[in-house]
Amino acid sequence: MVHLNYHHLQYFWAVAREGKLTHAAKRLHVSPSALSAQIRQLEDQLGHSLFKRVGRSLVLTEAGRIAQGYAEQIFATGHELLATLSDGARADRQVLRMGAVATLSRNFQESFVRPLLIRLDIDLVLQSGSLGELLTRLSAHTLDLVLSNRPVHGDAEADWRCRRIARQQVSLVGRPRKRGRAFRFPEDLADHRLLLPSSNSEIRTSFDLLCEQLGVRLQVLAEVDDMAMLRLLARDTDAIALLPSVVVRDELRDGLLQEYCVVPNLVESFYAITVKRHFQPPLLKSLMSRENLDALEAQLRH
């Protein structure tokens, strides 16, 4: 039986990513001639050329693209093995690495992980970043889960698992109003300056469409893509903010802000994104149980 030489495969993988033999050789701390010889041995074993030279660069052949796909899977599985077993050996402690889109409500994140915070046998790692950055870490198995308010769809390069775990109605909130007539939607919108999520937000897109249909012209004070900043501006200005009430849960409870109205037919959805793995962390299964998600929805309604 002929066995694949994984050192040769790793050298090929490095050259495929770098596109230049000399760059890959420098990163691997080997000479270009030695690296070239290793790749030729892999080509001889596979029976196909993996690269063709175009100018000063190496370009993958069709066989090379197929080999690269297998190499990506093989080394991703290796990273998964190290991450799973090295953490599993830590005195029976369980580790969960979670990423959250930087603009996502901190209050929502806290509500989601709350079942884990009372346990003493868990190491919880929380990271933030852009959705693209977090998905890269997820595909490399340095994260187990990504929270987002935007869905993603799997493709040929990434087998994402995207599940909507909660949704909440969106409200207009501001400083407490004087006693008298209640806020009327949409009639009173034109009389107030507004704090809105940025235009790349699904909430904002839906709200703009709704206002257009209702014939309402808006006075926009600021467009903010970070919910924490939107929360501060709602608290510190006289403008009305458009956001899920979970973002300002503490301010509503303490009377610093007031919910003027729930915007009809406008919701924000929250998604948990994972990637296909051979070993899913047990913590992830319990966190995504129907019981926990029902409890999360109940928290968001109050």
C-alpha atoms as a PDB file:
ATOM      1  CA  MET A   1       0.000   0.000   0.000  1.00  0.00           C
ATOM      2  CA  VAL A   2       1.376   3.421  -0.981  1.00  0.00           C
ATOM      3  CA  HIS A   3       1.113   6.058   1.759  1.00  0.00           C
ATOM      4  CA  LEU A   4       0.862   9.771   1.144  1.00  0.00           C
ATOM      5  CA  ASN A   5       3.832  11.783   2.404  1.00  0.00           C
ATOM      6  CA  TYR A   6       2.231  14.568   4.437  1.00  0.00           C
ATOM      7  CA  HIS A   7       5.448  16.592   4.553  1.00  0.00           C
ATOM      8  CA  HIS A   8       5.348  16.780   0.770  1.00  0.00           C
ATOM      9  CA  LEU A   9       1.672  17.727   0.899  1.00  0.00           C
ATOM     10  CA  GLN A  10       2.370  20.498   3.419  1.00  0.00           C
ATOM     11  CA  TYR A  11       5.133  21.904   1.213  1.00  0.00           C
ATOM     12  CA  PHE A  12       2.802  21.842  -1.803  1.00  0.00           C
ATOM     13  CA  TRP A  13       0.075  23.554   0.244  1.00  0.00           C
ATOM     14  CA  ALA A  14       2.457  26.333   1.268  1.00  0.00           C
ATOM     15  CA  VAL A  15       3.542  26.997  -2.325  1.00  0.00           C
ATOM     16  CA  ALA A  16      -0.072  26.931  -3.512  1.00  0.00           C
ATOM     17  CA  ARG A  17      -0.964  29.639  -0.987  1.00  0.00           C
ATOM     18  CA  GLU A  18       2.118  31.782  -1.595  1.00  0.00           C
ATOM     19  CA  GLY A  19       2.155  31.482  -5.392  1.00  0.00           C
ATOM     20  CA  LYS A  20       5.954  31.728  -5.439  1.00  0.00           C
ATOM     21  CA  LEU A  21       8.448  29.002  -4.590  1.00  0.00           C
ATOM     22  CA  THR A  22      10.960  31.386  -3.028  1.00  0.00           C
ATOM     23  CA  HIS A  23       8.357  32.962  -0.708  1.00  0.00           C
ATOM     24  CA  ALA A  24       7.157  29.569   0.493  1.00  0.00           C
ATOM     25  CA  ALA A  25      10.727  28.333   0.969  1.00  0.00           C
ATOM     26  CA  LYS A  26      11.539  31.347   3.128  1.00  0.00           C
ATOM     27  CA  ARG A  27       8.479  30.812   5.298  1.00  0.00           C
ATOM     28  CA  LEU A  28       9.237  27.093   5.683  1.00  0.00           C
ATOM     29  CA  HIS A  29      12.956  27.721   6.323  1.00  0.00           C
ATOM     30  CA  VAL A  30      14.119  25.417   3.518  1.00  0.00           C
ATOM     31  CA  SER A  31      15.997  26.099   0.312  1.00  0.00           C
ATOM     32  CA  PRO A  32      14.009  26.627  -2.906  1.00  0.00           C
ATOM     33  CA  SER A  33      15.767  23.677  -4.525  1.00  0.00           C
ATOM     34  CA  ALA A  34      14.866  21.349  -1.639  1.00  0.00           C
ATOM     35  CA  LEU A  35      11.262  22.550  -1.716  1.00  0.00           C
ATOM     36  CA  SER A  36      11.070  22.037  -5.485  1.00  0.00           C
ATOM     37  CA  ALA A  37      12.416  18.501  -5.104  1.00  0.00           C
ATOM     38  CA  GLN A  38       9.787  17.669  -2.451  1.00  0.00           C
ATOM     39  CA  ILE A  39       6.967  18.881  -4.699  1.00  0.00           C
ATOM     40  CA  ARG A  40       8.329  16.876  -7.663  1.00  0.00           C
ATOM     41  CA  GLN A  41       8.230  13.761  -5.482  1.00  0.00           C
ATOM     42  CA  LEU A  42       4.579  14.478  -4.636  1.00  0.00           C
ATOM     43  CA  GLU A  43       3.804  14.996  -8.349  1.00  0.00           C
ATOM     44  CA  ASP A  44       5.506  11.681  -9.168  1.00  0.00           C
ATOM     45  CA  GLN A  45       3.462   9.905  -6.513  1.00  0.00           C
ATOM     46  CA  LEU A  46       0.178  11.471  -7.705  1.00  0.00           C
ATOM     47  CA  GLY A  47       1.023  11.056 -11.381  1.00  0.00           C
ATOM     48  CA  HIS A  48       0.117  14.645 -12.284  1.00  0.00           C
ATOM     49  CA  SER A  49       1.780  18.035 -12.513  1.00  0.00           C
ATOM     50  CA  LEU A  50       0.442  20.320  -9.795  1.00  0.00           C
ATOM     51  CA  PHE A  51       1.822  23.655 -11.023  1.00  0.00           C
ATOM     52  CA  LYS A  52       2.527  25.434 -14.243  1.00  0.00           C
ATOM     53  CA  ARG A  53       4.746  28.490 -14.466  1.00  0.00           C
ATOM     54  CA  VAL A  54       3.188  31.765 -15.637  1.00  0.00           C
ATOM     55  CA  GLY A  55       5.785  34.512 -15.697  1.00  0.00           C
ATOM     56  CA  ARG A  56       7.490  34.447 -12.302  1.00  0.00           C
ATOM     57  CA  SER A  57       4.568  32.841 -10.524  1.00  0.00           C
ATOM     58  CA  LEU A  58       3.390  29.271 -10.125  1.00  0.00           C
ATOM     59  CA  VAL A  59      -0.230  28.622 -11.045  1.00  0.00           C
ATOM     60  CA  LEU A  60      -2.166  25.535 -10.031  1.00  0.00           C
ATOM     61  CA  THR A  61      -3.120  23.049 -12.701  1.00  0.00           C
ATOM     62  CA  GLU A  62      -6.502  21.349 -12.557  1.00  0.00           C
ATOM     63  CA  ALA A  63      -4.905  18.486 -10.604  1.00  0.00           C
ATOM     64  CA  GLY A  64      -3.249  21.079  -8.365  1.00  0.00           C
ATOM     65  CA  ARG A  65      -6.580  22.703  -7.537  1.00  0.00           C
ATOM     66  CA  ILE A  66      -8.011  19.311  -6.589  1.00  0.00           C
ATOM     67  CA  ALA A  67      -4.956  18.552  -4.428  1.00  0.00           C
ATOM     68  CA  GLN A  68      -5.231  21.941  -2.757  1.00  0.00           C
ATOM     69  CA  GLY A  69      -8.856  21.246  -1.816  1.00  0.00           C
ATOM     70  CA  TYR A  70      -7.883  17.966  -0.173  1.00  0.00           C
ATOM     71  CA  ALA A  71      -4.931  19.620   1.571  1.00  0.00           C
ATOM     72  CA  GLU A  72      -7.193  22.317   3.024  1.00  0.00           C
ATOM     73  CA  GLN A  73      -9.499  19.655   4.472  1.00  0.00           C
ATOM     74  CA  ILE A  74      -6.634  17.538   5.812  1.00  0.00           C
ATOM     75  CA  PHE A  75      -4.860  20.362   7.635  1.00  0.00           C
ATOM     76  CA  ALA A  76      -8.093  21.907   8.898  1.00  0.00           C
ATOM     77  CA  THR A  77      -8.925  18.522  10.410  1.00  0.00           C
ATOM     78  CA  GLY A  78      -5.469  18.467  11.998  1.00  0.00           C
ATOM     79  CA  HIS A  79      -6.069  21.877  13.590  1.00  0.00           C
ATOM     80  CA  GLU A  80      -9.435  20.629  14.797  1.00  0.00           C
ATOM     81  CA  LEU A  81      -7.780  17.587  16.394  1.00  0.00           C
ATOM     82  CA  LEU A  82      -5.268  19.732  18.256  1.00  0.00           C
ATOM     83  CA  ALA A  83      -7.913  22.209  19.402  1.00  0.00           C
ATOM     84  CA  THR A  84     -10.290  19.479  20.556  1.00  0.00           C
ATOM     85  CA  LEU A  85      -7.902  17.154  22.338  1.00  0.00           C
ATOM     86  CA  SER A  86      -5.504  19.703  23.824  1.00  0.00           C
ATOM     87  CA  ASP A  87      -8.370  21.534  25.509  1.00  0.00           C
ATOM     88  CA  GLY A  88     -10.088  18.318  26.520  1.00  0.00           C
ATOM     89  CA  ALA A  89      -6.995  17.369  28.518  1.00  0.00           C
ATOM     90  CA  ARG A  90      -7.146  20.404  30.761  1.00  0.00           C
ATOM     91  CA  ALA A  91      -8.238  18.811  34.028  1.00  0.00           C
ATOM     92  CA  ASP A  92     -11.676  17.921  32.656  1.00  0.00           C
ATOM     93  CA  ARG A  93     -12.445  21.569  31.948  1.00  0.00           C
ATOM     94  CA  GLN A  94     -14.487  22.369  28.870  1.00  0.00           C
ATOM     95  CA  VAL A  95     -13.562  25.210  26.558  1.00  0.00           C
ATOM     96  CA  LEU A  96     -15.851  27.171  24.266  1.00  0.00           C
ATOM     97  CA  ARG A  97     -14.481  29.822  21.919  1.00  0.00           C
ATOM     98  CA  MET A  98     -17.144  32.203  20.703  1.00  0.00           C
ATOM     99  CA  GLY A  99     -16.913  35.160  18.347  1.00  0.00           C
ATOM    100  CA  ALA A 100     -19.466  37.929  17.987  1.00  0.00           C
ATOM    101  CA  VAL A 101     -19.771  40.601  15.323  1.00  0.00           C
ATOM    102  CA  ALA A 102     -18.420  43.799  16.900  1.00  0.00           C
ATOM    103  CA  THR A 103     -21.634  45.735  16.277  1.00  0.00           C
ATOM    104  CA  LEU A 104     -23.844  43.141  17.988  1.00  0.00           C
ATOM    105  CA  SER A 105     -25.627  44.116  21.197  1.00  0.00           C
ATOM    106  CA  ARG A 106     -23.520  43.299  24.278  1.00  0.00           C
ATOM    107  CA  ASN A 107     -26.692  42.678  26.252  1.00  0.00           C
ATOM    108  CA  PHE A 108     -27.771  40.047  23.734  1.00  0.00           C
ATOM    109  CA  GLN A 109     -24.364  38.371  23.907  1.00  0.00           C
ATOM    110  CA  GLU A 110     -24.530  38.264  27.688  1.00  0.00           C
ATOM    111  CA  SER A 111     -28.032  36.793  27.598  1.00  0.00           C
ATOM    112  CA  PHE A 112     -26.891  34.091  25.184  1.00  0.00           C
ATOM    113  CA  VAL A 113     -23.923  32.901  27.287  1.00  0.00           C
ATOM    114  CA  ARG A 114     -25.638  33.357  30.664  1.00  0.00           C
ATOM    115  CA  PRO A 115     -26.229  29.586  31.171  1.00  0.00           C
ATOM    116  CA  LEU A 116     -22.446  29.097  31.068  1.00  0.00           C
ATOM    117  CA  LEU A 117     -21.520  31.919  33.433  1.00  0.00           C
ATOM    118  CA  ILE A 118     -22.728  30.091  36.543  1.00  0.00           C
ATOM    119  CA  ARG A 119     -20.591  27.004  35.870  1.00  0.00           C
ATOM    120  CA  LEU A 120     -17.134  26.506  37.374  1.00  0.00           C
ATOM    121  CA  ASP A 121     -15.860  23.867  34.942  1.00  0.00           C
ATOM    122  CA  ILE A 122     -15.821  26.057  31.835  1.00  0.00           C
ATOM    123  CA  ASP A 123     -13.305  28.293  30.108  1.00  0.00           C
ATOM    124  CA  LEU A 124     -15.239  30.739  27.930  1.00  0.00           C
ATOM    125  CA  VAL A 125     -13.291  32.701  25.325  1.00  0.00           C
ATOM    126  CA  LEU A 126     -15.138  35.660  23.772  1.00  0.00           C
ATOM    127  CA  GLN A 127     -13.782  37.509  20.732  1.00  0.00           C
ATOM    128  CA  SER A 128     -15.165  40.262  18.533  1.00  0.00           C
ATOM    129  CA  GLY A 129     -14.441  41.389  15.007  1.00  0.00           C
ATOM    130  CA  SER A 130     -15.946  41.774  11.577  1.00  0.00           C
ATOM    131  CA  LEU A 131     -18.043  38.927  10.220  1.00  0.00           C
ATOM    132  CA  GLY A 132     -15.372  38.100   7.637  1.00  0.00           C
ATOM    133  CA  GLU A 133     -12.611  37.939  10.251  1.00  0.00           C
ATOM    134  CA  LEU A 134     -14.656  35.731  12.541  1.00  0.00           C
ATOM    135  CA  LEU A 135     -15.656  33.334   9.771  1.00  0.00           C
ATOM    136  CA  THR A 136     -11.987  32.904   8.874  1.00  0.00           C
ATOM    137  CA  ARG A 137     -11.242  31.926  12.480  1.00  0.00           C
ATOM    138  CA  LEU A 138     -14.256  29.633  12.493  1.00  0.00           C
ATOM    139  CA  SER A 139     -13.097  27.818   9.357  1.00  0.00           C
ATOM    140  CA  ALA A 140      -9.658  27.333  10.978  1.00  0.00           C
ATOM    141  CA  HIS A 141     -11.364  25.905  14.090  1.00  0.00           C
ATOM    142  CA  THR A 142      -9.943  28.579  16.371  1.00  0.00           C
ATOM    143  CA  LEU A 143     -13.577  29.535  17.081  1.00  0.00           C
ATOM    144  CA  ASP A 144     -16.459  27.157  17.776  1.00  0.00           C
ATOM    145  CA  LEU A 145     -19.317  29.576  17.139  1.00  0.00           C
ATOM    146  CA  VAL A 146     -19.967  33.018  15.691  1.00  0.00           C
ATOM    147  CA  LEU A 147     -22.905  35.226  16.657  1.00  0.00           C
ATOM    148  CA  SER A 148     -24.209  37.609  14.018  1.00  0.00           C
ATOM    149  CA  ASN A 149     -27.272  39.629  13.116  1.00  0.00           C
ATOM    150  CA  ARG A 150     -26.729  38.721   9.451  1.00  0.00           C
ATOM    151  CA  PRO A 151     -27.170  35.226   7.995  1.00  0.00           C
ATOM    152  CA  VAL A 152     -24.512  33.501   5.914  1.00  0.00           C
ATOM    153  CA  HIS A 153     -24.891  30.724   3.384  1.00  0.00           C
ATOM    154  CA  GLY A 154     -22.573  27.802   2.767  1.00  0.00           C
ATOM    155  CA  ASP A 155     -20.733  27.434  -0.500  1.00  0.00           C
ATOM    156  CA  ALA A 156     -18.112  25.234  -2.120  1.00  0.00           C
ATOM    157  CA  GLU A 157     -15.365  26.707   0.070  1.00  0.00           C
ATOM    158  CA  ALA A 158     -17.107  26.810   3.441  1.00  0.00           C
ATOM    159  CA  ASP A 159     -19.796  24.526   4.790  1.00  0.00           C
ATOM    160  CA  TRP A 160     -21.405  27.006   7.169  1.00  0.00           C
ATOM    161  CA  ARG A 161     -24.258  26.014   9.461  1.00  0.00           C
ATOM    162  CA  CYS A 162     -26.346  29.128  10.099  1.00  0.00           C
ATOM    163  CA  ARG A 163     -29.260  28.931  12.525  1.00  0.00           C
ATOM    164  CA  ARG A 164     -31.548  31.709  13.637  1.00  0.00           C
ATOM    165  CA  ILE A 165     -31.572  31.501  17.419  1.00  0.00           C
ATOM    166  CA  ALA A 166     -33.683  34.507  18.379  1.00  0.00           C
ATOM    167  CA  ARG A 167     -35.427  37.572  17.078  1.00  0.00           C
ATOM    168  CA  GLN A 168     -36.734  40.687  18.709  1.00  0.00           C
ATOM    169  CA  GLN A 169     -38.972  43.532  17.720  1.00  0.00           C
ATOM    170  CA  VAL A 170     -37.320  46.872  17.073  1.00  0.00           C
ATOM    171  CA  SER A 171     -38.384  49.976  18.984  1.00  0.00           C
ATOM    172  CA  LEU A 172     -38.047  53.732  18.960  1.00  0.00           C
ATOM    173  CA  VAL A 173     -36.598  54.885  22.289  1.00  0.00           C
ATOM    174  CA  GLY A 174     -35.576  58.215  23.743  1.00  0.00           C
ATOM    175  CA  ARG A 175     -35.459  60.252  26.890  1.00  0.00           C
ATOM    176  CA  PRO A 176     -38.645  60.062  29.001  1.00  0.00           C
ATOM    177  CA  ARG A 177     -41.434  62.157  27.534  1.00  0.00           C
ATOM    178  CA  LYS A 178     -43.466  64.632  29.537  1.00  0.00           C
ATOM    179  CA  ARG A 179     -46.854  63.414  30.604  1.00  0.00           C
ATOM    180  CA  GLY A 180     -49.467  63.908  27.938  1.00  0.00           C
ATOM    181  CA  ARG A 181     -50.202  62.509  24.538  1.00  0.00           C
ATOM    182  CA  ALA A 182     -48.500  59.223  23.702  1.00  0.00           C
ATOM    183  CA  PHE A 183     -46.050  59.044  20.821  1.00  0.00           C
ATOM    184  CA  ARG A 184     -47.861  58.407  17.538  1.00  0.00           C
ATOM    185  CA  PHE A 185     -46.205  56.325  14.846  1.00  0.00           C
ATOM    186  CA  PRO A 186     -45.594  57.368  12.139  1.00  0.00           C
ATOM    187  CA  GLU A 187     -47.150  60.843  12.533  1.00  0.00           C
ATOM    188  CA  ASP A 188     -44.660  62.114  15.133  1.00  0.00           C
ATOM    189  CA  LEU A 189     -41.524  60.868  13.360  1.00  0.00           C
ATOM    190  CA  ALA A 190     -41.149  64.009  11.268  1.00  0.00           C
ATOM    191  CA  ASP A 191     -40.932  66.160  14.428  1.00  0.00           C
ATOM    192  CA  HIS A 192     -37.876  64.404  15.887  1.00  0.00           C
ATOM    193  CA  ARG A 193     -34.241  63.905  14.989  1.00  0.00           C
ATOM    194  CA  LEU A 194     -33.338  60.265  14.681  1.00  0.00           C
ATOM    195  CA  LEU A 195     -30.384  58.031  15.549  1.00  0.00           C
ATOM    196  CA  LEU A 196     -30.347  55.172  13.060  1.00  0.00           C
ATOM    197  CA  PRO A 197     -28.231  52.104  12.354  1.00  0.00           C
ATOM    198  CA  SER A 198     -26.002  52.476   9.304  1.00  0.00           C
ATOM    199  CA  SER A 199     -27.296  51.756   5.830  1.00  0.00           C
ATOM    200  CA  ASN A 200     -25.714  48.282   5.691  1.00  0.00           C
ATOM    201  CA  SER A 201     -27.954  47.144   8.549  1.00  0.00           C
ATOM    202  CA  GLU A 202     -31.011  45.028   7.763  1.00  0.00           C
ATOM    203  CA  ILE A 203     -32.925  46.990  10.394  1.00  0.00           C
ATOM    204  CA  ARG A 204     -32.135  50.244   8.641  1.00  0.00           C
ATOM    205  CA  THR A 205     -33.004  48.904   5.202  1.00  0.00           C
ATOM    206  CA  SER A 206     -36.408  47.685   6.402  1.00  0.00           C
ATOM    207  CA  PHE A 207     -37.092  50.911   8.320  1.00  0.00           C
ATOM    208  CA  ASP A 208     -36.257  53.106   5.325  1.00  0.00           C
ATOM    209  CA  LEU A 209     -38.569  51.042   3.135  1.00  0.00           C
ATOM    210  CA  LEU A 210     -41.360  51.308   5.696  1.00  0.00           C
ATOM    211  CA  CYS A 211     -40.990  55.091   5.972  1.00  0.00           C
ATOM    212  CA  GLU A 212     -40.921  55.420   2.201  1.00  0.00           C
ATOM    213  CA  GLN A 213     -44.170  53.468   1.959  1.00  0.00           C
ATOM    214  CA  LEU A 214     -45.718  55.670   4.655  1.00  0.00           C
ATOM    215  CA  GLY A 215     -44.493  58.865   2.987  1.00  0.00           C
ATOM    216  CA  VAL A 216     -42.471  59.985   6.028  1.00  0.00           C
ATOM    217  CA  ARG A 217     -39.424  62.244   5.634  1.00  0.00           C
ATOM    218  CA  LEU A 218     -36.791  61.649   8.300  1.00  0.00           C
ATOM    219  CA  GLN A 219     -34.480  64.035  10.155  1.00  0.00           C
ATOM    220  CA  VAL A 220     -31.369  61.916  10.695  1.00  0.00           C
ATOM    221  CA  LEU A 221     -28.985  63.176  13.367  1.00  0.00           C
ATOM    222  CA  ALA A 222     -26.501  60.293  13.070  1.00  0.00           C
ATOM    223  CA  GLU A 223     -26.028  56.904  11.453  1.00  0.00           C
ATOM    224  CA  VAL A 224     -24.210  54.505  13.765  1.00  0.00           C
ATOM    225  CA  ASP A 225     -23.126  50.937  13.035  1.00  0.00           C
ATOM    226  CA  ASP A 226     -22.099  50.147  16.614  1.00  0.00           C
ATOM    227  CA  MET A 227     -24.954  49.357  19.006  1.00  0.00           C
ATOM    228  CA  ALA A 228     -22.943  50.410  22.057  1.00  0.00           C
ATOM    229  CA  MET A 229     -22.455  53.884  20.562  1.00  0.00           C
ATOM    230  CA  LEU A 230     -26.110  54.046  19.524  1.00  0.00           C
ATOM    231  CA  ARG A 231     -27.015  53.294  23.136  1.00  0.00           C
ATOM    232  CA  LEU A 232     -24.812  56.154  24.422  1.00  0.00           C
ATOM    233  CA  LEU A 233     -26.195  58.661  21.938  1.00  0.00           C
ATOM    234  CA  ALA A 234     -29.765  57.683  22.796  1.00  0.00           C
ATOM    235  CA  ARG A 235     -28.979  58.344  26.452  1.00  0.00           C
ATOM    236  CA  ASP A 236     -27.057  61.582  25.959  1.00  0.00           C
ATOM    237  CA  THR A 237     -29.037  63.415  23.245  1.00  0.00           C
ATOM    238  CA  ASP A 238     -32.638  64.437  22.694  1.00  0.00           C
ATOM    239  CA  ALA A 239     -32.880  62.328  19.540  1.00  0.00           C
ATOM    240  CA  ILE A 240     -34.902  59.146  19.154  1.00  0.00           C
ATOM    241  CA  ALA A 241     -32.992  55.926  18.513  1.00  0.00           C
ATOM    242  CA  LEU A 242     -34.084  52.980  16.405  1.00  0.00           C
ATOM    243  CA  LEU A 243     -32.885  49.762  18.026  1.00  0.00           C
ATOM    244  CA  PRO A 244     -33.946  46.503  19.678  1.00  0.00           C
ATOM    245  CA  SER A 245     -34.902  47.216  23.262  1.00  0.00           C
ATOM    246  CA  VAL A 246     -32.371  44.643  24.535  1.00  0.00           C
ATOM    247  CA  VAL A 247     -29.629  47.125  23.614  1.00  0.00           C
ATOM    248  CA  VAL A 248     -30.915  49.648  26.184  1.00  0.00           C
ATOM    249  CA  ARG A 249     -32.393  47.154  28.643  1.00  0.00           C
ATOM    250  CA  ASP A 250     -30.645  48.705  31.660  1.00  0.00           C
ATOM    251  CA  GLU A 251     -31.567  52.285  30.707  1.00  0.00           C
ATOM    252  CA  LEU A 252     -35.223  51.330  30.252  1.00  0.00           C
ATOM    253  CA  ARG A 253     -35.255  49.595  33.610  1.00  0.00           C
ATOM    254  CA  ASP A 254     -33.656  52.586  35.358  1.00  0.00           C
ATOM    255  CA  GLY A 255     -35.947  55.129  33.686  1.00  0.00           C
ATOM    256  CA  LEU A 256     -33.157  56.880  31.782  1.00  0.00           C
ATOM    257  CA  LEU A 257     -34.839  55.994  28.494  1.00  0.00           C
ATOM    258  CA  GLN A 258     -38.399  55.261  27.476  1.00  0.00           C
ATOM    259  CA  GLU A 259     -39.777  53.019  24.755  1.00  0.00           C
ATOM    260  CA  TYR A 260     -41.900  55.317  22.595  1.00  0.00           C
ATOM    261  CA  CYS A 261     -43.295  52.557  20.429  1.00  0.00           C
ATOM    262  CA  VAL A 262     -42.594  49.187  18.863  1.00  0.00           C
ATOM    263  CA  VAL A 263     -42.125  49.643  15.124  1.00  0.00           C
ATOM    264  CA  PRO A 264     -44.700  47.438  13.384  1.00  0.00           C
ATOM    265  CA  ASN A 265     -43.389  44.461  11.405  1.00  0.00           C
ATOM    266  CA  LEU A 266     -39.736  45.310  12.096  1.00  0.00           C
ATOM    267  CA  VAL A 267     -37.535  42.730  13.827  1.00  0.00           C
ATOM    268  CA  GLU A 268     -33.849  41.998  14.255  1.00  0.00           C
ATOM    269  CA  SER A 269     -32.789  38.380  13.904  1.00  0.00           C
ATOM    270  CA  PHE A 270     -29.814  36.833  15.663  1.00  0.00           C
ATOM    271  CA  TYR A 271     -27.886  33.932  14.142  1.00  0.00           C
ATOM    272  CA  ALA A 272     -25.478  31.317  15.459  1.00  0.00           C
ATOM    273  CA  ILE A 273     -22.973  30.250  12.799  1.00  0.00           C
ATOM    274  CA  THR A 274     -20.909  27.074  13.013  1.00  0.00           C
ATOM    275  CA  VAL A 275     -18.951  25.032  10.510  1.00  0.00           C
ATOM    276  CA  LYS A 276     -19.189  21.317   9.825  1.00  0.00           C
ATOM    277  CA  ARG A 277     -16.881  19.487  12.228  1.00  0.00           C
ATOM    278  CA  HIS A 278     -16.234  15.903  13.221  1.00  0.00           C
ATOM    279  CA  PHE A 279     -16.136  16.858  16.915  1.00  0.00           C
ATOM    280  CA  GLN A 280     -18.560  19.518  18.078  1.00  0.00           C
ATOM    281  CA  PRO A 281     -17.850  20.812  21.607  1.00  0.00           C
ATOM    282  CA  PRO A 282     -20.421  19.346  24.028  1.00  0.00           C
ATOM    283  CA  LEU A 283     -20.987  22.854  25.411  1.00  0.00           C
ATOM    284  CA  LEU A 284     -22.194  23.986  22.021  1.00  0.00           C
ATOM    285  CA  LYS A 285     -24.887  21.333  21.909  1.00  0.00           C
ATOM    286  CA  SER A 286     -26.259  22.308  25.318  1.00  0.00           C
ATOM    287  CA  LEU A 287     -26.086  26.024  24.539  1.00  0.00           C
ATOM    288  CA  MET A 288     -28.054  25.499  21.329  1.00  0.00           C
ATOM    289  CA  SER A 289     -30.694  23.286  22.949  1.00  0.00           C
ATOM    290  CA  ARG A 290     -34.329  24.209  22.441  1.00  0.00           C
ATOM    291  CA  GLU A 291     -34.703  24.815  26.179  1.00  0.00           C
ATOM    292  CA  ASN A 292     -31.900  27.386  26.263  1.00  0.00           C
ATOM    293  CA  LEU A 293     -33.081  29.143  23.113  1.00  0.00           C
ATOM    294  CA  ASP A 294     -36.641  29.365  24.441  1.00  0.00           C
ATOM    295  CA  ALA A 295     -35.263  30.925  27.640  1.00  0.00           C
ATOM    296  CA  LEU A 296     -33.273  33.401  25.540  1.00  0.00           C
ATOM    297  CA  GLU A 297     -36.376  34.435  23.604  1.00  0.00           C
ATOM    298  CA  ALA A 298     -38.232  34.943  26.893  1.00  0.00           C
ATOM    299  CA  GLN A 299     -35.450  37.238  28.186  1.00  0.00           C
ATOM    300  CA  LEU A 300     -35.601  39.315  25.013  1.00  0.00           C
ATOM    301  CA  ARG A 301     -39.361  39.794  25.389  1.00  0.00           C
ATOM    302  CA  HIS A 302     -38.987  41.346  28.857  1.00  0.00           C
END
